[in-house]
């Protein structure tokens, strides 16, 4: 088990933030969990520690949103995600964390800016698009595998549909539950479930229901329009953070 004080100083708020996100509040911010923990350990180890906690949160979320999710979207997103996870597993030794963060961050920032500049908040909701669903599911599966960063690709596909906020969050919960379970075998093969990581996950685990409970409560308090404003703002902020992290090795930061 990790005993370093500074690790827990970063990991405790990171897990609570992920819990808030999993509960439905400012969903994109959950992507910051691994970067925050990676301030004191390697990104790979941070991802390994966080995955069991994510799965525990997923189980809580599945119960909370078991009657509120969009099945047709999941039928498109999940097969794409499984393909993306397979690609991530096969290329794990070839793709750098910096490249993935820069890619995801650029997409997220561009999407949020396009939404705001194009006044899409006033546009009619978009319907289900099978090719886009499979594609963004695949991108989400890949980025989730390498950095638990599948949120922005999922949002890029789902947000324009302007679903009821509870259905939107429920679909997100079901999607990432399946994605995280699919990731378990390849993570195990890559040695990410060593005893040190698992014991550390166990120590942090009690924070999962606390964060999720706060997120679920906030979701039911915030009205529909402010919810989507927060979602796009969170996506933009997360994108900027990821772009910075991706460029940092080349900027000497």
C-alpha atoms as a PDB file:
ATOM      1  CA  UNK A   1       0.000   0.000   0.000  1.00  0.00           C
ATOM      2  CA  UNK A   2       1.203   3.520  -0.777  1.00  0.00           C
ATOM      3  CA  UNK A   3       1.976   5.472   2.413  1.00  0.00           C
ATOM      4  CA  UNK A   4       3.217   8.782   0.976  1.00  0.00           C
ATOM      5  CA  UNK A   5       1.332  11.763   2.463  1.00  0.00           C
ATOM      6  CA  UNK A   6       1.423  13.792  -0.745  1.00  0.00           C
ATOM      7  CA  UNK A   7      -0.120  10.946  -2.715  1.00  0.00           C
ATOM      8  CA  UNK A   8      -3.203  11.001  -0.492  1.00  0.00           C
ATOM      9  CA  UNK A   9      -3.264  14.802  -0.523  1.00  0.00           C
ATOM     10  CA  UNK A  10      -3.826  14.488  -4.278  1.00  0.00           C
ATOM     11  CA  UNK A  11      -5.756  11.208  -4.358  1.00  0.00           C
ATOM     12  CA  UNK A  12      -8.483  12.038  -1.820  1.00  0.00           C
ATOM     13  CA  UNK A  13      -9.819  15.125  -3.658  1.00  0.00           C
ATOM     14  CA  UNK A  14      -9.331  13.287  -6.959  1.00  0.00           C
ATOM     15  CA  UNK A  15     -11.561  10.386  -5.895  1.00  0.00           C
ATOM     16  CA  UNK A  16     -14.193  12.758  -4.486  1.00  0.00           C
ATOM     17  CA  UNK A  17     -14.159  14.707  -7.740  1.00  0.00           C
ATOM     18  CA  UNK A  18     -14.581  11.521  -9.747  1.00  0.00           C
ATOM     19  CA  UNK A  19     -17.461  10.573  -7.443  1.00  0.00           C
ATOM     20  CA  UNK A  20     -19.193  13.909  -8.029  1.00  0.00           C
ATOM     21  CA  UNK A  21     -18.783  13.359 -11.754  1.00  0.00           C
ATOM     22  CA  UNK A  22     -20.051   9.783 -11.596  1.00  0.00           C
ATOM     23  CA  UNK A  23     -23.067  10.996  -9.650  1.00  0.00           C
ATOM     24  CA  UNK A  24     -23.950  13.334 -12.495  1.00  0.00           C
ATOM     25  CA  UNK A  25     -22.577  16.721 -11.431  1.00  0.00           C
ATOM     26  CA  UNK A  26     -20.222  18.421 -13.938  1.00  0.00           C
ATOM     27  CA  UNK A  27     -19.560  15.076 -15.586  1.00  0.00           C
ATOM     28  CA  UNK A  28     -16.471  16.068 -17.569  1.00  0.00           C
ATOM     29  CA  UNK A  29     -14.474  16.940 -14.478  1.00  0.00           C
ATOM     30  CA  UNK A  30     -14.091  13.277 -13.543  1.00  0.00           C
ATOM     31  CA  UNK A  31     -11.421  13.092 -16.204  1.00  0.00           C
ATOM     32  CA  UNK A  32      -9.118  15.045 -13.872  1.00  0.00           C
ATOM     33  CA  UNK A  33      -8.858  12.100 -11.460  1.00  0.00           C
ATOM     34  CA  UNK A  34      -5.871  10.424 -13.104  1.00  0.00           C
ATOM     35  CA  UNK A  35      -3.966  13.704 -13.792  1.00  0.00           C
ATOM     36  CA  UNK A  36      -4.382  14.751 -10.142  1.00  0.00           C
ATOM     37  CA  UNK A  37      -3.150  11.395  -8.829  1.00  0.00           C
ATOM     38  CA  UNK A  38      -0.381  11.417 -11.414  1.00  0.00           C
ATOM     39  CA  UNK A  39       1.131  14.417  -9.637  1.00  0.00           C
ATOM     40  CA  UNK A  40       2.709  11.933  -7.220  1.00  0.00           C
ATOM     41  CA  UNK A  41       2.732   8.564  -9.047  1.00  0.00           C
ATOM     42  CA  UNK A  42       3.011   7.516 -12.686  1.00  0.00           C
ATOM     43  CA  UNK A  43      -0.125   7.901 -14.856  1.00  0.00           C
ATOM     44  CA  UNK A  44      -0.134   4.128 -15.402  1.00  0.00           C
ATOM     45  CA  UNK A  45      -0.130   3.406 -11.666  1.00  0.00           C
ATOM     46  CA  UNK A  46      -2.755   6.086 -11.060  1.00  0.00           C
ATOM     47  CA  UNK A  47      -5.015   4.448 -13.640  1.00  0.00           C
ATOM     48  CA  UNK A  48      -4.495   1.043 -12.055  1.00  0.00           C
ATOM     49  CA  UNK A  49      -5.385   2.332  -8.585  1.00  0.00           C
ATOM     50  CA  UNK A  50      -8.431   4.219  -9.823  1.00  0.00           C
ATOM     51  CA  UNK A  51     -10.059   1.464 -11.916  1.00  0.00           C
ATOM     52  CA  UNK A  52     -11.382  -0.675  -9.003  1.00  0.00           C
ATOM     53  CA  UNK A  53     -12.756   2.485  -7.390  1.00  0.00           C
ATOM     54  CA  UNK A  54     -14.434   3.473 -10.657  1.00  0.00           C
ATOM     55  CA  UNK A  55     -16.058   0.047 -10.887  1.00  0.00           C
ATOM     56  CA  UNK A  56     -17.354   0.347  -7.318  1.00  0.00           C
ATOM     57  CA  UNK A  57     -18.826   3.748  -8.189  1.00  0.00           C
ATOM     58  CA  UNK A  58     -20.310   2.253 -11.340  1.00  0.00           C
ATOM     59  CA  UNK A  59     -22.216  -0.325  -9.294  1.00  0.00           C
ATOM     60  CA  UNK A  60     -23.741   2.451  -7.171  1.00  0.00           C
ATOM     61  CA  UNK A  61     -24.590   4.388 -10.318  1.00  0.00           C
ATOM     62  CA  UNK A  62     -26.199   1.403 -12.017  1.00  0.00           C
ATOM     63  CA  UNK A  63     -28.582   1.034  -9.083  1.00  0.00           C
ATOM     64  CA  UNK A  64     -29.338   4.759  -8.929  1.00  0.00           C
ATOM     65  CA  UNK A  65     -30.016   5.087 -12.683  1.00  0.00           C
ATOM     66  CA  UNK A  66     -31.260   1.572 -13.463  1.00  0.00           C
ATOM     67  CA  UNK A  67     -34.505   2.943 -14.916  1.00  0.00           C
ATOM     68  CA  UNK A  68     -33.087   6.030 -16.639  1.00  0.00           C
ATOM     69  CA  UNK A  69     -30.830   5.391 -19.623  1.00  0.00           C
ATOM     70  CA  UNK A  70     -31.007   5.391 -23.422  1.00  0.00           C
ATOM     71  CA  UNK A  71     -30.704   1.836 -24.700  1.00  0.00           C
ATOM     72  CA  UNK A  72     -30.394   2.650 -28.431  1.00  0.00           C
ATOM     73  CA  UNK A  73     -27.398   4.885 -27.828  1.00  0.00           C
ATOM     74  CA  UNK A  74     -25.707   2.207 -25.735  1.00  0.00           C
ATOM     75  CA  UNK A  75     -26.172  -0.346 -28.524  1.00  0.00           C
ATOM     76  CA  UNK A  76     -24.047   1.921 -30.736  1.00  0.00           C
ATOM     77  CA  UNK A  77     -21.535   3.228 -28.221  1.00  0.00           C
ATOM     78  CA  UNK A  78     -20.550   0.004 -26.422  1.00  0.00           C
ATOM     79  CA  UNK A  79     -19.449  -2.066 -29.468  1.00  0.00           C
ATOM     80  CA  UNK A  80     -17.411   0.902 -30.652  1.00  0.00           C
ATOM     81  CA  UNK A  81     -15.882   1.248 -27.187  1.00  0.00           C
ATOM     82  CA  UNK A  82     -14.920  -2.435 -27.089  1.00  0.00           C
ATOM     83  CA  UNK A  83     -13.044  -1.955 -30.363  1.00  0.00           C
ATOM     84  CA  UNK A  84     -11.337   1.155 -28.993  1.00  0.00           C
ATOM     85  CA  UNK A  85     -10.276  -0.702 -25.858  1.00  0.00           C
ATOM     86  CA  UNK A  86      -8.804  -3.507 -27.968  1.00  0.00           C
ATOM     87  CA  UNK A  87      -6.825  -0.967 -30.016  1.00  0.00           C
ATOM     88  CA  UNK A  88      -5.654   0.691 -26.797  1.00  0.00           C
ATOM     89  CA  UNK A  89      -4.489  -2.625 -25.378  1.00  0.00           C
ATOM     90  CA  UNK A  90      -2.607  -3.553 -28.552  1.00  0.00           C
ATOM     91  CA  UNK A  91      -0.900  -0.152 -28.812  1.00  0.00           C
ATOM     92  CA  UNK A  92      -0.322   0.502 -25.094  1.00  0.00           C
ATOM     93  CA  UNK A  93       3.440   0.437 -25.523  1.00  0.00           C
ATOM     94  CA  UNK A  94       3.399   2.701 -28.584  1.00  0.00           C
ATOM     95  CA  UNK A  95       1.114   5.615 -27.643  1.00  0.00           C
ATOM     96  CA  UNK A  96       2.332   8.166 -25.106  1.00  0.00           C
ATOM     97  CA  UNK A  97       0.127   9.663 -22.400  1.00  0.00           C
ATOM     98  CA  UNK A  98       1.007  13.138 -23.654  1.00  0.00           C
ATOM     99  CA  UNK A  99      -0.254  12.429 -27.161  1.00  0.00           C
ATOM    100  CA  UNK A 100      -3.543  11.025 -25.875  1.00  0.00           C
ATOM    101  CA  UNK A 101      -4.111  13.979 -23.545  1.00  0.00           C
ATOM    102  CA  UNK A 102      -3.359  16.473 -26.312  1.00  0.00           C
ATOM    103  CA  UNK A 103      -5.699  14.680 -28.720  1.00  0.00           C
ATOM    104  CA  UNK A 104      -8.606  14.486 -26.264  1.00  0.00           C
ATOM    105  CA  UNK A 105      -8.084  18.030 -25.013  1.00  0.00           C
ATOM    106  CA  UNK A 106      -8.046  19.507 -28.503  1.00  0.00           C
ATOM    107  CA  UNK A 107     -11.247  17.707 -29.450  1.00  0.00           C
ATOM    108  CA  UNK A 108     -12.970  18.777 -26.224  1.00  0.00           C
ATOM    109  CA  UNK A 109     -11.994  22.450 -26.499  1.00  0.00           C
ATOM    110  CA  UNK A 110     -12.939  22.613 -30.186  1.00  0.00           C
ATOM    111  CA  UNK A 111     -16.315  21.013 -29.528  1.00  0.00           C
ATOM    112  CA  UNK A 112     -17.181  23.378 -26.659  1.00  0.00           C
ATOM    113  CA  UNK A 113     -16.111  26.441 -28.656  1.00  0.00           C
ATOM    114  CA  UNK A 114     -18.112  25.276 -31.659  1.00  0.00           C
ATOM    115  CA  UNK A 115     -21.151  24.888 -29.404  1.00  0.00           C
ATOM    116  CA  UNK A 116     -20.826  28.398 -28.003  1.00  0.00           C
ATOM    117  CA  UNK A 117     -19.770  30.249 -31.149  1.00  0.00           C
ATOM    118  CA  UNK A 118     -22.300  28.423 -33.312  1.00  0.00           C
ATOM    119  CA  UNK A 119     -25.096  29.217 -30.814  1.00  0.00           C
ATOM    120  CA  UNK A 120     -25.995  25.555 -30.659  1.00  0.00           C
ATOM    121  CA  UNK A 121     -27.635  26.035 -27.306  1.00  0.00           C
ATOM    122  CA  UNK A 122     -30.596  27.290 -29.337  1.00  0.00           C
ATOM    123  CA  UNK A 123     -30.415  24.572 -31.975  1.00  0.00           C
ATOM    124  CA  UNK A 124     -32.893  21.720 -32.141  1.00  0.00           C
ATOM    125  CA  UNK A 125     -31.818  18.449 -30.478  1.00  0.00           C
ATOM    126  CA  UNK A 126     -30.011  16.065 -32.799  1.00  0.00           C
ATOM    127  CA  UNK A 127     -31.171  12.500 -33.313  1.00  0.00           C
ATOM    128  CA  UNK A 128     -29.242   9.281 -33.009  1.00  0.00           C
ATOM    129  CA  UNK A 129     -26.531   8.850 -35.639  1.00  0.00           C
ATOM    130  CA  UNK A 130     -25.245   5.272 -35.929  1.00  0.00           C
ATOM    131  CA  UNK A 131     -21.851   5.949 -37.584  1.00  0.00           C
ATOM    132  CA  UNK A 132     -21.092   8.790 -35.165  1.00  0.00           C
ATOM    133  CA  UNK A 133     -22.206   6.691 -32.201  1.00  0.00           C
ATOM    134  CA  UNK A 134     -19.876   3.832 -33.101  1.00  0.00           C
ATOM    135  CA  UNK A 135     -17.013   6.213 -33.930  1.00  0.00           C
ATOM    136  CA  UNK A 136     -17.198   8.297 -30.754  1.00  0.00           C
ATOM    137  CA  UNK A 137     -17.780   5.151 -28.729  1.00  0.00           C
ATOM    138  CA  UNK A 138     -14.542   3.816 -30.181  1.00  0.00           C
ATOM    139  CA  UNK A 139     -12.652   7.013 -29.390  1.00  0.00           C
ATOM    140  CA  UNK A 140     -14.114   6.952 -25.886  1.00  0.00           C
ATOM    141  CA  UNK A 141     -13.096   3.331 -25.359  1.00  0.00           C
ATOM    142  CA  UNK A 142      -9.543   4.015 -26.530  1.00  0.00           C
ATOM    143  CA  UNK A 143      -9.050   7.149 -24.438  1.00  0.00           C
ATOM    144  CA  UNK A 144     -10.708   5.539 -21.430  1.00  0.00           C
ATOM    145  CA  UNK A 145      -8.322   2.603 -21.667  1.00  0.00           C
ATOM    146  CA  UNK A 146      -5.168   4.689 -21.814  1.00  0.00           C
ATOM    147  CA  UNK A 147      -6.092   7.438 -19.336  1.00  0.00           C
ATOM    148  CA  UNK A 148      -9.654   6.958 -17.971  1.00  0.00           C
ATOM    149  CA  UNK A 149     -10.430   9.889 -20.260  1.00  0.00           C
ATOM    150  CA  UNK A 150     -13.479   8.691 -22.167  1.00  0.00           C
ATOM    151  CA  UNK A 151     -15.719  11.516 -20.993  1.00  0.00           C
ATOM    152  CA  UNK A 152     -15.154  14.125 -23.728  1.00  0.00           C
ATOM    153  CA  UNK A 153     -15.749  11.733 -26.674  1.00  0.00           C
ATOM    154  CA  UNK A 154     -18.935  10.498 -24.978  1.00  0.00           C
ATOM    155  CA  UNK A 155     -20.099  14.078 -24.415  1.00  0.00           C
ATOM    156  CA  UNK A 156     -19.333  15.093 -27.988  1.00  0.00           C
ATOM    157  CA  UNK A 157     -21.763  12.463 -29.240  1.00  0.00           C
ATOM    158  CA  UNK A 158     -24.405  12.690 -26.518  1.00  0.00           C
ATOM    159  CA  UNK A 159     -24.717  16.376 -25.566  1.00  0.00           C
ATOM    160  CA  UNK A 160     -26.197  17.559 -28.929  1.00  0.00           C
ATOM    161  CA  UNK A 161     -29.108  15.142 -28.422  1.00  0.00           C
ATOM    162  CA  UNK A 162     -30.252  17.249 -25.449  1.00  0.00           C
ATOM    163  CA  UNK A 163     -31.759  14.320 -23.620  1.00  0.00           C
ATOM    164  CA  UNK A 164     -33.435  14.689 -20.258  1.00  0.00           C
ATOM    165  CA  UNK A 165     -30.554  15.319 -17.836  1.00  0.00           C
ATOM    166  CA  UNK A 166     -31.277  12.204 -15.759  1.00  0.00           C
ATOM    167  CA  UNK A 167     -31.449  10.001 -18.878  1.00  0.00           C
ATOM    168  CA  UNK A 168     -28.211  11.574 -20.128  1.00  0.00           C
ATOM    169  CA  UNK A 169     -26.391  10.848 -16.871  1.00  0.00           C
ATOM    170  CA  UNK A 170     -27.913   7.359 -16.638  1.00  0.00           C
ATOM    171  CA  UNK A 171     -26.688   6.565 -20.149  1.00  0.00           C
ATOM    172  CA  UNK A 172     -23.229   7.799 -19.181  1.00  0.00           C
ATOM    173  CA  UNK A 173     -23.253   5.601 -16.059  1.00  0.00           C
ATOM    174  CA  UNK A 174     -24.278   2.480 -17.977  1.00  0.00           C
ATOM    175  CA  UNK A 175     -21.778   3.153 -20.772  1.00  0.00           C
ATOM    176  CA  UNK A 176     -18.780   3.616 -18.487  1.00  0.00           C
ATOM    177  CA  UNK A 177     -19.802   0.699 -16.296  1.00  0.00           C
ATOM    178  CA  UNK A 178     -19.527  -1.586 -19.306  1.00  0.00           C
ATOM    179  CA  UNK A 179     -16.358   0.132 -20.528  1.00  0.00           C
ATOM    180  CA  UNK A 180     -14.626  -0.253 -17.159  1.00  0.00           C
ATOM    181  CA  UNK A 181     -15.575  -3.926 -16.895  1.00  0.00           C
ATOM    182  CA  UNK A 182     -14.264  -4.571 -20.415  1.00  0.00           C
ATOM    183  CA  UNK A 183     -10.966  -2.929 -19.385  1.00  0.00           C
ATOM    184  CA  UNK A 184     -10.347  -5.334 -16.484  1.00  0.00           C
ATOM    185  CA  UNK A 185      -8.766  -8.258 -18.427  1.00  0.00           C
ATOM    186  CA  UNK A 186      -6.296  -6.157 -20.445  1.00  0.00           C
ATOM    187  CA  UNK A 187      -5.397  -4.089 -17.354  1.00  0.00           C
ATOM    188  CA  UNK A 188      -4.679  -7.320 -15.486  1.00  0.00           C
ATOM    189  CA  UNK A 189      -2.498  -8.572 -18.334  1.00  0.00           C
ATOM    190  CA  UNK A 190      -0.541  -5.296 -18.217  1.00  0.00           C
ATOM    191  CA  UNK A 191       0.170  -5.809 -14.506  1.00  0.00           C
ATOM    192  CA  UNK A 192      -1.902  -2.929 -13.171  1.00  0.00           C
ATOM    193  CA  UNK A 193      -3.513  -4.945 -10.358  1.00  0.00           C
ATOM    194  CA  UNK A 194      -0.461  -5.508  -8.169  1.00  0.00           C
ATOM    195  CA  UNK A 195      -1.018  -5.817  -4.411  1.00  0.00           C
ATOM    196  CA  UNK A 196       0.282  -2.297  -3.695  1.00  0.00           C
ATOM    197  CA  UNK A 197      -2.252  -0.781  -6.081  1.00  0.00           C
ATOM    198  CA  UNK A 198      -5.160  -2.910  -4.881  1.00  0.00           C
ATOM    199  CA  UNK A 199      -4.527  -2.137  -1.208  1.00  0.00           C
ATOM    200  CA  UNK A 200      -4.331   1.567  -1.993  1.00  0.00           C
ATOM    201  CA  UNK A 201      -7.604   1.311  -3.918  1.00  0.00           C
ATOM    202  CA  UNK A 202      -9.190  -0.339  -0.874  1.00  0.00           C
ATOM    203  CA  UNK A 203      -8.082   2.507   1.409  1.00  0.00           C
ATOM    204  CA  UNK A 204      -9.585   5.118  -0.942  1.00  0.00           C
ATOM    205  CA  UNK A 205     -12.758   3.136  -1.654  1.00  0.00           C
ATOM    206  CA  UNK A 206     -14.928   4.588   1.187  1.00  0.00           C
ATOM    207  CA  UNK A 207     -14.741   7.970  -0.561  1.00  0.00           C
ATOM    208  CA  UNK A 208     -16.632   6.584  -3.570  1.00  0.00           C
ATOM    209  CA  UNK A 209     -20.180   6.601  -2.139  1.00  0.00           C
ATOM    210  CA  UNK A 210     -19.605  10.004  -0.506  1.00  0.00           C
ATOM    211  CA  UNK A 211     -18.640  11.655  -3.789  1.00  0.00           C
ATOM    212  CA  UNK A 212     -21.372   9.918  -5.745  1.00  0.00           C
ATOM    213  CA  UNK A 213     -24.046  10.795  -3.193  1.00  0.00           C
ATOM    214  CA  UNK A 214     -23.124  14.462  -3.446  1.00  0.00           C
ATOM    215  CA  UNK A 215     -23.167  14.269  -7.241  1.00  0.00           C
ATOM    216  CA  UNK A 216     -26.584  12.572  -7.409  1.00  0.00           C
ATOM    217  CA  UNK A 217     -28.054  15.125  -5.015  1.00  0.00           C
ATOM    218  CA  UNK A 218     -26.652  18.039  -7.019  1.00  0.00           C
ATOM    219  CA  UNK A 219     -28.025  16.594 -10.262  1.00  0.00           C
ATOM    220  CA  UNK A 220     -31.597  16.592  -8.952  1.00  0.00           C
ATOM    221  CA  UNK A 221     -31.279  20.143  -7.627  1.00  0.00           C
ATOM    222  CA  UNK A 222     -29.865  21.813 -10.753  1.00  0.00           C
ATOM    223  CA  UNK A 223     -32.432  22.705 -13.482  1.00  0.00           C
ATOM    224  CA  UNK A 224     -32.037  21.429 -17.056  1.00  0.00           C
ATOM    225  CA  UNK A 225     -30.523  24.493 -18.794  1.00  0.00           C
ATOM    226  CA  UNK A 226     -27.936  25.288 -16.105  1.00  0.00           C
ATOM    227  CA  UNK A 227     -27.009  21.599 -16.066  1.00  0.00           C
ATOM    228  CA  UNK A 228     -26.026  21.668 -19.736  1.00  0.00           C
ATOM    229  CA  UNK A 229     -24.215  24.995 -19.321  1.00  0.00           C
ATOM    230  CA  UNK A 230     -22.153  23.405 -16.544  1.00  0.00           C
ATOM    231  CA  UNK A 231     -21.545  20.311 -18.696  1.00  0.00           C
ATOM    232  CA  UNK A 232     -20.150  22.334 -21.614  1.00  0.00           C
ATOM    233  CA  UNK A 233     -18.107  24.559 -19.293  1.00  0.00           C
ATOM    234  CA  UNK A 234     -16.672  21.477 -17.578  1.00  0.00           C
ATOM    235  CA  UNK A 235     -15.843  19.938 -20.946  1.00  0.00           C
ATOM    236  CA  UNK A 236     -14.016  23.123 -21.993  1.00  0.00           C
ATOM    237  CA  UNK A 237     -12.037  23.409 -18.745  1.00  0.00           C
ATOM    238  CA  UNK A 238     -11.061  19.760 -18.834  1.00  0.00           C
ATOM    239  CA  UNK A 239     -10.008  20.147 -22.470  1.00  0.00           C
ATOM    240  CA  UNK A 240      -7.719  23.064 -21.627  1.00  0.00           C
ATOM    241  CA  UNK A 241      -6.163  21.069 -18.790  1.00  0.00           C
ATOM    242  CA  UNK A 242      -5.527  18.104 -21.064  1.00  0.00           C
ATOM    243  CA  UNK A 243      -4.055  20.279 -23.832  1.00  0.00           C
ATOM    244  CA  UNK A 244      -1.673  21.799 -21.290  1.00  0.00           C
ATOM    245  CA  UNK A 245      -0.693  18.377 -19.973  1.00  0.00           C
ATOM    246  CA  UNK A 246      -0.171  17.114 -23.509  1.00  0.00           C
ATOM    247  CA  UNK A 247       2.046  20.027 -24.510  1.00  0.00           C
ATOM    248  CA  UNK A 248       3.981  20.177 -21.247  1.00  0.00           C
ATOM    249  CA  UNK A 249       6.767  17.748 -22.296  1.00  0.00           C
ATOM    250  CA  UNK A 250       7.504  19.850 -25.376  1.00  0.00           C
ATOM    251  CA  UNK A 251       7.228  23.161 -23.521  1.00  0.00           C
ATOM    252  CA  UNK A 252       9.514  22.007 -20.749  1.00  0.00           C
ATOM    253  CA  UNK A 253       6.744  22.649 -18.187  1.00  0.00           C
END
